[in-house]
Amino acid sequence: MFLEAIHIILPVFIILAAIIAILLKDLLASVIALAAMSLLLSLEFFILHAPDVAIAEAAVGACLTTAIFILAIKATKRNEEEV
């Protein structure tokens, strides 16, 4: 019963995090929402008994991709600073 509820609730949160990442105007906040979505997705993989995929998703999706996005954002100028 509890596991069935998790299988229903967790994908809803994954979709909500993805929608939030799309709708946010601030790039850094959007990257954080994308990292949260990736962590929730790795939790779903772990619950589905795929721990190797969960570890890969957490390492690549949540950590490495987030770090690359943050470094790319820090390397660029914001348009608000020029005005």
PDB file of N, CA and C in Angstrom:
ATOM      1  N   MET A   1       0.820  -1.198   0.000  1.00  0.00           N
ATOM      2  CA  MET A   1       0.000   0.000   0.000  1.00  0.00           C
ATOM      3  C   MET A   1       0.865   1.264   0.000  1.00  0.00           C
ATOM      4  N   PHE A   2       1.852   1.291   0.903  1.00  0.00           N
ATOM      5  CA  PHE A   2       2.737   2.464   0.992  1.00  0.00           C
ATOM      6  C   PHE A   2       3.582   2.613  -0.260  1.00  0.00           C
ATOM      7  N   LEU A   3       4.072   1.479  -0.776  1.00  0.00           N
ATOM      8  CA  LEU A   3       4.900   1.518  -1.983  1.00  0.00           C
ATOM      9  C   LEU A   3       4.093   1.944  -3.206  1.00  0.00           C
ATOM     10  N   GLU A   4       2.835   1.546  -3.260  1.00  0.00           N
ATOM     11  CA  GLU A   4       1.971   1.981  -4.359  1.00  0.00           C
ATOM     12  C   GLU A   4       1.735   3.484  -4.307  1.00  0.00           C
ATOM     13  N   ALA A   5       1.590   4.026  -3.117  1.00  0.00           N
ATOM     14  CA  ALA A   5       1.395   5.470  -2.973  1.00  0.00           C
ATOM     15  C   ALA A   5       2.653   6.224  -3.395  1.00  0.00           C
ATOM     16  N   ILE A   6       3.808   5.675  -3.075  1.00  0.00           N
ATOM     17  CA  ILE A   6       5.073   6.295  -3.494  1.00  0.00           C
ATOM     18  C   ILE A   6       5.184   6.290  -5.015  1.00  0.00           C
ATOM     19  N   HIS A   7       4.766   5.209  -5.647  1.00  0.00           N
ATOM     20  CA  HIS A   7       4.830   5.122  -7.115  1.00  0.00           C
ATOM     21  C   HIS A   7       3.860   6.087  -7.792  1.00  0.00           C
ATOM     22  N   ILE A   8       2.858   6.538  -7.082  1.00  0.00           N
ATOM     23  CA  ILE A   8       1.933   7.525  -7.633  1.00  0.00           C
ATOM     24  C   ILE A   8       2.412   8.944  -7.340  1.00  0.00           C
ATOM     25  N   ILE A   9       2.893   9.179  -6.139  1.00  0.00           N
ATOM     26  CA  ILE A   9       3.265  10.533  -5.706  1.00  0.00           C
ATOM     27  C   ILE A   9       4.593  10.982  -6.309  1.00  0.00           C
ATOM     28  N   LEU A  10       5.564  10.113  -6.359  1.00  0.00           N
ATOM     29  CA  LEU A  10       6.899  10.487  -6.826  1.00  0.00           C
ATOM     30  C   LEU A  10       6.917  10.967  -8.285  1.00  0.00           C
ATOM     31  N   PRO A  11       6.267  10.305  -9.221  1.00  0.00           N
ATOM     32  CA  PRO A  11       6.241  10.855 -10.592  1.00  0.00           C
ATOM     33  C   PRO A  11       5.541  12.212 -10.688  1.00  0.00           C
ATOM     34  N   VAL A  12       4.552  12.444  -9.825  1.00  0.00           N
ATOM     35  CA  VAL A  12       3.891  13.749  -9.817  1.00  0.00           C
ATOM     36  C   VAL A  12       4.885  14.827  -9.402  1.00  0.00           C
ATOM     37  N   PHE A  13       5.689  14.539  -8.387  1.00  0.00           N
ATOM     38  CA  PHE A  13       6.704  15.503  -7.958  1.00  0.00           C
ATOM     39  C   PHE A  13       7.789  15.695  -9.016  1.00  0.00           C
ATOM     40  N   ILE A  14       8.122  14.632  -9.736  1.00  0.00           N
ATOM     41  CA  ILE A  14       9.105  14.742 -10.812  1.00  0.00           C
ATOM     42  C   ILE A  14       8.584  15.667 -11.908  1.00  0.00           C
ATOM     43  N   ILE A  15       7.335  15.487 -12.278  1.00  0.00           N
ATOM     44  CA  ILE A  15       6.736  16.346 -13.305  1.00  0.00           C
ATOM     45  C   ILE A  15       6.626  17.785 -12.813  1.00  0.00           C
ATOM     46  N   LEU A  16       6.244  17.982 -11.556  1.00  0.00           N
ATOM     47  CA  LEU A  16       6.162  19.335 -11.001  1.00  0.00           C
ATOM     48  C   LEU A  16       7.525  20.026 -10.989  1.00  0.00           C
ATOM     49  N   ALA A  17       8.562  19.300 -10.620  1.00  0.00           N
ATOM     50  CA  ALA A  17       9.907  19.889 -10.617  1.00  0.00           C
ATOM     51  C   ALA A  17      10.350  20.254 -12.031  1.00  0.00           C
ATOM     52  N   ALA A  18       9.994  19.431 -13.009  1.00  0.00           N
ATOM     53  CA  ALA A  18      10.340  19.740 -14.397  1.00  0.00           C
ATOM     54  C   ALA A  18       9.588  20.973 -14.896  1.00  0.00           C
ATOM     55  N   ILE A  19       8.317  21.085 -14.548  1.00  0.00           N
ATOM     56  CA  ILE A  19       7.533  22.252 -14.953  1.00  0.00           C
ATOM     57  C   ILE A  19       8.061  23.510 -14.288  1.00  0.00           C
ATOM     58  N   ILE A  20       8.414  23.409 -13.015  1.00  0.00           N
ATOM     59  CA  ILE A  20       8.987  24.559 -12.299  1.00  0.00           C
ATOM     60  C   ILE A  20      10.304  24.983 -12.942  1.00  0.00           C
ATOM     61  N   ALA A  21      11.128  23.997 -13.327  1.00  0.00           N
ATOM     62  CA  ALA A  21      12.406  24.316 -13.978  1.00  0.00           C
ATOM     63  C   ALA A  21      12.193  25.040 -15.298  1.00  0.00           C
ATOM     64  N   ILE A  22      11.129  24.705 -16.002  1.00  0.00           N
ATOM     65  CA  ILE A  22      10.842  25.365 -17.274  1.00  0.00           C
ATOM     66  C   ILE A  22      10.301  26.771 -17.058  1.00  0.00           C
ATOM     67  N   LEU A  23       9.434  26.947 -16.075  1.00  0.00           N
ATOM     68  CA  LEU A  23       8.744  28.216 -15.884  1.00  0.00           C
ATOM     69  C   LEU A  23       9.568  29.289 -15.178  1.00  0.00           C
ATOM     70  N   LEU A  24      10.589  28.896 -14.442  1.00  0.00           N
ATOM     71  CA  LEU A  24      11.383  29.887 -13.710  1.00  0.00           C
ATOM     72  C   LEU A  24      12.186  30.759 -14.682  1.00  0.00           C
ATOM     73  N   LYS A  25      12.233  32.044 -14.385  1.00  0.00           N
ATOM     74  CA  LYS A  25      12.989  32.984 -15.221  1.00  0.00           C
ATOM     75  C   LYS A  25      14.457  33.041 -14.834  1.00  0.00           C
ATOM     76  N   ASP A  26      14.749  32.833 -13.552  1.00  0.00           N
ATOM     77  CA  ASP A  26      16.133  32.854 -13.075  1.00  0.00           C
ATOM     78  C   ASP A  26      16.810  31.534 -13.442  1.00  0.00           C
ATOM     79  N   LEU A  27      17.931  31.632 -14.144  1.00  0.00           N
ATOM     80  CA  LEU A  27      18.598  30.423 -14.622  1.00  0.00           C
ATOM     81  C   LEU A  27      19.136  29.559 -13.489  1.00  0.00           C
ATOM     82  N   LEU A  28      19.664  30.185 -12.450  1.00  0.00           N
ATOM     83  CA  LEU A  28      20.214  29.417 -11.335  1.00  0.00           C
ATOM     84  C   LEU A  28      19.114  28.653 -10.604  1.00  0.00           C
ATOM     85  N   ALA A  29      17.989  29.289 -10.387  1.00  0.00           N
ATOM     86  CA  ALA A  29      16.862  28.606  -9.744  1.00  0.00           C
ATOM     87  C   ALA A  29      16.341  27.479 -10.627  1.00  0.00           C
ATOM     88  N   SER A  30      16.362  27.684 -11.928  1.00  0.00           N
ATOM     89  CA  SER A  30      15.929  26.646 -12.850  1.00  0.00           C
ATOM     90  C   SER A  30      16.862  25.436 -12.810  1.00  0.00           C
ATOM     91  N   VAL A  31      18.149  25.676 -12.692  1.00  0.00           N
ATOM     92  CA  VAL A  31      19.120  24.574 -12.591  1.00  0.00           C
ATOM     93  C   VAL A  31      18.918  23.806 -11.288  1.00  0.00           C
ATOM     94  N   ILE A  32      18.628  24.506 -10.207  1.00  0.00           N
ATOM     95  CA  ILE A  32      18.377  23.840  -8.924  1.00  0.00           C
ATOM     96  C   ILE A  32      17.109  22.979  -9.015  1.00  0.00           C
ATOM     97  N   ALA A  33      16.077  23.486  -9.672  1.00  0.00           N
ATOM     98  CA  ALA A  33      14.859  22.693  -9.854  1.00  0.00           C
ATOM     99  C   ALA A  33      15.128  21.471 -10.723  1.00  0.00           C
ATOM    100  N   LEU A  34      15.977  21.626 -11.721  1.00  0.00           N
ATOM    101  CA  LEU A  34      16.350  20.494 -12.570  1.00  0.00           C
ATOM    102  C   LEU A  34      17.148  19.453 -11.781  1.00  0.00           C
ATOM    103  N   ALA A  35      18.003  19.905 -10.880  1.00  0.00           N
ATOM    104  CA  ALA A  35      18.747  18.971 -10.036  1.00  0.00           C
ATOM    105  C   ALA A  35      17.814  18.232  -9.084  1.00  0.00           C
ATOM    106  N   ALA A  36      16.818  18.944  -8.559  1.00  0.00           N
ATOM    107  CA  ALA A  36      15.833  18.291  -7.689  1.00  0.00           C
ATOM    108  C   ALA A  36      15.040  17.244  -8.462  1.00  0.00           C
ATOM    109  N   MET A  37      14.683  17.554  -9.704  1.00  0.00           N
ATOM    110  CA  MET A  37      13.988  16.588 -10.539  1.00  0.00           C
ATOM    111  C   MET A  37      14.850  15.350 -10.774  1.00  0.00           C
ATOM    112  N   SER A  38      16.131  15.557 -11.003  1.00  0.00           N
ATOM    113  CA  SER A  38      17.030  14.445 -11.241  1.00  0.00           C
ATOM    114  C   SER A  38      17.196  13.580  -9.987  1.00  0.00           C
ATOM    115  N   LEU A  39      17.253  14.214  -8.833  1.00  0.00           N
ATOM    116  CA  LEU A  39      17.341  13.432  -7.592  1.00  0.00           C
ATOM    117  C   LEU A  39      16.072  12.624  -7.349  1.00  0.00           C
ATOM    118  N   LEU A  40      14.926  13.212  -7.624  1.00  0.00           N
ATOM    119  CA  LEU A  40      13.671  12.466  -7.488  1.00  0.00           C
ATOM    120  C   LEU A  40      13.614  11.309  -8.479  1.00  0.00           C
ATOM    121  N   LEU A  41      14.123  11.536  -9.677  1.00  0.00           N
ATOM    122  CA  LEU A  41      14.151  10.471 -10.677  1.00  0.00           C
ATOM    123  C   LEU A  41      15.087   9.340 -10.247  1.00  0.00           C
ATOM    124  N   SER A  42      16.209   9.682  -9.644  1.00  0.00           N
ATOM    125  CA  SER A  42      17.105   8.620  -9.163  1.00  0.00           C
ATOM    126  C   SER A  42      16.467   7.850  -8.005  1.00  0.00           C
ATOM    127  N   LEU A  43      15.677   8.539  -7.186  1.00  0.00           N
ATOM    128  CA  LEU A  43      14.953   7.839  -6.121  1.00  0.00           C
ATOM    129  C   LEU A  43      13.920   6.872  -6.715  1.00  0.00           C
ATOM    130  N   GLU A  44      13.262   7.294  -7.768  1.00  0.00           N
ATOM    131  CA  GLU A  44      12.299   6.414  -8.443  1.00  0.00           C
ATOM    132  C   GLU A  44      12.995   5.185  -9.028  1.00  0.00           C
ATOM    133  N   PHE A  45      14.149   5.379  -9.635  1.00  0.00           N
ATOM    134  CA  PHE A  45      14.904   4.232 -10.152  1.00  0.00           C
ATOM    135  C   PHE A  45      15.299   3.277  -9.025  1.00  0.00           C
ATOM    136  N   PHE A  46      15.673   3.828  -7.879  1.00  0.00           N
ATOM    137  CA  PHE A  46      16.053   2.976  -6.749  1.00  0.00           C
ATOM    138  C   PHE A  46      14.857   2.181  -6.238  1.00  0.00           C
ATOM    139  N   ILE A  47      13.699   2.816  -6.185  1.00  0.00           N
ATOM    140  CA  ILE A  47      12.494   2.119  -5.741  1.00  0.00           C
ATOM    141  C   ILE A  47      12.102   1.031  -6.731  1.00  0.00           C
ATOM    142  N   LEU A  48      12.384   1.257  -8.004  1.00  0.00           N
ATOM    143  CA  LEU A  48      12.082   0.258  -9.032  1.00  0.00           C
ATOM    144  C   LEU A  48      13.148  -0.839  -9.128  1.00  0.00           C
ATOM    145  N   HIS A  49      14.029  -0.903  -8.132  1.00  0.00           N
ATOM    146  CA  HIS A  49      15.068  -1.932  -8.036  1.00  0.00           C
ATOM    147  C   HIS A  49      16.074  -1.869  -9.175  1.00  0.00           C
ATOM    148  N   ALA A  50      16.484  -0.647  -9.508  1.00  0.00           N
ATOM    149  CA  ALA A  50      17.551  -0.442 -10.481  1.00  0.00           C
ATOM    150  C   ALA A  50      18.610   0.460  -9.839  1.00  0.00           C
ATOM    151  N   PRO A  51      19.356  -0.064  -8.863  1.00  0.00           N
ATOM    152  CA  PRO A  51      20.292   0.802  -8.125  1.00  0.00           C
ATOM    153  C   PRO A  51      21.443   1.317  -8.978  1.00  0.00           C
ATOM    154  N   ASP A  52      21.867   0.540  -9.982  1.00  0.00           N
ATOM    155  CA  ASP A  52      22.955   1.016 -10.840  1.00  0.00           C
ATOM    156  C   ASP A  52      22.512   2.222 -11.670  1.00  0.00           C
ATOM    157  N   VAL A  53      21.292   2.194 -12.167  1.00  0.00           N
ATOM    158  CA  VAL A  53      20.768   3.326 -12.922  1.00  0.00           C
ATOM    159  C   VAL A  53      20.539   4.515 -11.994  1.00  0.00           C
ATOM    160  N   ALA A  54      20.102   4.251 -10.768  1.00  0.00           N
ATOM    161  CA  ALA A  54      19.874   5.320  -9.794  1.00  0.00           C
ATOM    162  C   ALA A  54      21.178   6.026  -9.440  1.00  0.00           C
ATOM    163  N   ILE A  55      22.243   5.272  -9.260  1.00  0.00           N
ATOM    164  CA  ILE A  55      23.536   5.876  -8.937  1.00  0.00           C
ATOM    165  C   ILE A  55      24.054   6.684 -10.116  1.00  0.00           C
ATOM    166  N   ALA A  56      23.891   6.156 -11.330  1.00  0.00           N
ATOM    167  CA  ALA A  56      24.331   6.898 -12.516  1.00  0.00           C
ATOM    168  C   ALA A  56      23.530   8.181 -12.690  1.00  0.00           C
ATOM    169  N   GLU A  57      22.227   8.123 -12.465  1.00  0.00           N
ATOM    170  CA  GLU A  57      21.379   9.314 -12.592  1.00  0.00           C
ATOM    171  C   GLU A  57      21.738  10.350 -11.531  1.00  0.00           C
ATOM    172  N   ALA A  58      21.991   9.904 -10.325  1.00  0.00           N
ATOM    173  CA  ALA A  58      22.360  10.842  -9.265  1.00  0.00           C
ATOM    174  C   ALA A  58      23.716  11.475  -9.539  1.00  0.00           C
ATOM    175  N   ALA A  59      24.654  10.672 -10.018  1.00  0.00           N
ATOM    176  CA  ALA A  59      25.999  11.201 -10.260  1.00  0.00           C
ATOM    177  C   ALA A  59      26.036  12.125 -11.465  1.00  0.00           C
ATOM    178  N   VAL A  60      25.461  11.683 -12.570  1.00  0.00           N
ATOM    179  CA  VAL A  60      25.527  12.465 -13.796  1.00  0.00           C
ATOM    180  C   VAL A  60      24.449  13.537 -13.826  1.00  0.00           C
ATOM    181  N   GLY A  61      23.213  13.149 -13.578  1.00  0.00           N
ATOM    182  CA  GLY A  61      22.104  14.078 -13.698  1.00  0.00           C
ATOM    183  C   GLY A  61      22.084  15.150 -12.629  1.00  0.00           C
ATOM    184  N   ALA A  62      22.241  14.751 -11.394  1.00  0.00           N
ATOM    185  CA  ALA A  62      22.128  15.718 -10.300  1.00  0.00           C
ATOM    186  C   ALA A  62      23.435  16.447 -10.033  1.00  0.00           C
ATOM    187  N   CYS A  63      24.541  15.747 -10.050  1.00  0.00           N
ATOM    188  CA  CYS A  63      25.805  16.375  -9.645  1.00  0.00           C
ATOM    189  C   CYS A  63      26.561  16.997 -10.819  1.00  0.00           C
ATOM    190  N   LEU A  64      26.939  16.194 -11.771  1.00  0.00           N
ATOM    191  CA  LEU A  64      27.809  16.663 -12.849  1.00  0.00           C
ATOM    192  C   LEU A  64      27.121  17.688 -13.746  1.00  0.00           C
ATOM    193  N   THR A  65      25.908  17.389 -14.168  1.00  0.00           N
ATOM    194  CA  THR A  65      25.186  18.317 -15.041  1.00  0.00           C
ATOM    195  C   THR A  65      24.891  19.629 -14.335  1.00  0.00           C
ATOM    196  N   THR A  66      24.515  19.553 -13.067  1.00  0.00           N
ATOM    197  CA  THR A  66      24.252  20.768 -12.296  1.00  0.00           C
ATOM    198  C   THR A  66      25.515  21.609 -12.174  1.00  0.00           C
ATOM    199  N   ALA A  67      26.628  20.968 -11.913  1.00  0.00           N
ATOM    200  CA  ALA A  67      27.886  21.707 -11.793  1.00  0.00           C
ATOM    201  C   ALA A  67      28.275  22.370 -13.116  1.00  0.00           C
ATOM    202  N   ILE A  68      28.085  21.661 -14.218  1.00  0.00           N
ATOM    203  CA  ILE A  68      28.408  22.244 -15.531  1.00  0.00           C
ATOM    204  C   ILE A  68      27.491  23.427 -15.831  1.00  0.00           C
ATOM    205  N   PHE A  69      26.200  23.285 -15.553  1.00  0.00           N
ATOM    206  CA  PHE A  69      25.264  24.389 -15.782  1.00  0.00           C
ATOM    207  C   PHE A  69      25.607  25.608 -14.922  1.00  0.00           C
ATOM    208  N   ILE A  70      25.948  25.378 -13.663  1.00  0.00           N
ATOM    209  CA  ILE A  70      26.279  26.504 -12.777  1.00  0.00           C
ATOM    210  C   ILE A  70      27.553  27.193 -13.241  1.00  0.00           C
ATOM    211  N   LEU A  71      28.553  26.422 -13.654  1.00  0.00           N
ATOM    212  CA  LEU A  71      29.774  27.034 -14.180  1.00  0.00           C
ATOM    213  C   LEU A  71      29.499  27.826 -15.454  1.00  0.00           C
ATOM    214  N   ALA A  72      28.618  27.327 -16.304  1.00  0.00           N
ATOM    215  CA  ALA A  72      28.270  28.051 -17.525  1.00  0.00           C
ATOM    216  C   ALA A  72      27.514  29.331 -17.210  1.00  0.00           C
ATOM    217  N   ILE A  73      26.643  29.293 -16.224  1.00  0.00           N
ATOM    218  CA  ILE A  73      25.898  30.498 -15.835  1.00  0.00           C
ATOM    219  C   ILE A  73      26.844  31.529 -15.237  1.00  0.00           C
ATOM    220  N   LYS A  74      27.778  31.082 -14.419  1.00  0.00           N
ATOM    221  CA  LYS A  74      28.729  32.013 -13.798  1.00  0.00           C
ATOM    222  C   LYS A  74      29.676  32.631 -14.834  1.00  0.00           C
ATOM    223  N   ALA A  75      29.912  31.936 -15.945  1.00  0.00           N
ATOM    224  CA  ALA A  75      30.828  32.433 -16.962  1.00  0.00           C
ATOM    225  C   ALA A  75      30.182  33.448 -17.900  1.00  0.00           C
ATOM    226  N   THR A  76      28.872  33.565 -17.838  1.00  0.00           N
ATOM    227  CA  THR A  76      28.178  34.497 -18.724  1.00  0.00           C
ATOM    228  C   THR A  76      27.718  35.723 -17.950  1.00  0.00           C
ATOM    229  N   LYS A  77      27.457  36.784 -18.695  1.00  0.00           N
ATOM    230  CA  LYS A  77      26.929  38.011 -18.089  1.00  0.00           C
ATOM    231  C   LYS A  77      25.421  37.988 -18.164  1.00  0.00           C
ATOM    232  N   ARG A  78      24.815  38.593 -17.172  1.00  0.00           N
ATOM    233  CA  ARG A  78      23.358  38.731 -17.181  1.00  0.00           C
ATOM    234  C   ARG A  78      22.982  40.035 -17.864  1.00  0.00           C
ATOM    235  N   ASN A  79      21.847  40.020 -18.530  1.00  0.00           N
ATOM    236  CA  ASN A  79      21.385  41.223 -19.208  1.00  0.00           C
ATOM    237  C   ASN A  79      20.969  42.304 -18.223  1.00  0.00           C
ATOM    238  N   GLU A  80      20.532  41.919 -17.035  1.00  0.00           N
ATOM    239  CA  GLU A  80      20.106  42.910 -16.051  1.00  0.00           C
ATOM    240  C   GLU A  80      21.262  43.768 -15.558  1.00  0.00           C
ATOM    241  N   GLU A  81      22.484  43.217 -15.587  1.00  0.00           N
ATOM    242  CA  GLU A  81      23.648  43.961 -15.104  1.00  0.00           C
ATOM    243  C   GLU A  81      24.039  45.090 -16.049  1.00  0.00           C
ATOM    244  N   GLU A  82      23.733  44.945 -17.341  1.00  0.00           N
ATOM    245  CA  GLU A  82      24.108  45.949 -18.325  1.00  0.00           C
ATOM    246  C   GLU A  82      23.194  47.162 -18.310  1.00  0.00           C
ATOM    247  N   VAL A  83      21.985  47.008 -17.853  1.00  0.00           N
ATOM    248  CA  VAL A  83      20.997  48.092 -17.875  1.00  0.00           C
ATOM    249  C   VAL A  83      21.252  49.073 -16.766  1.00  0.00           C
TER     250      VAL A  83
END
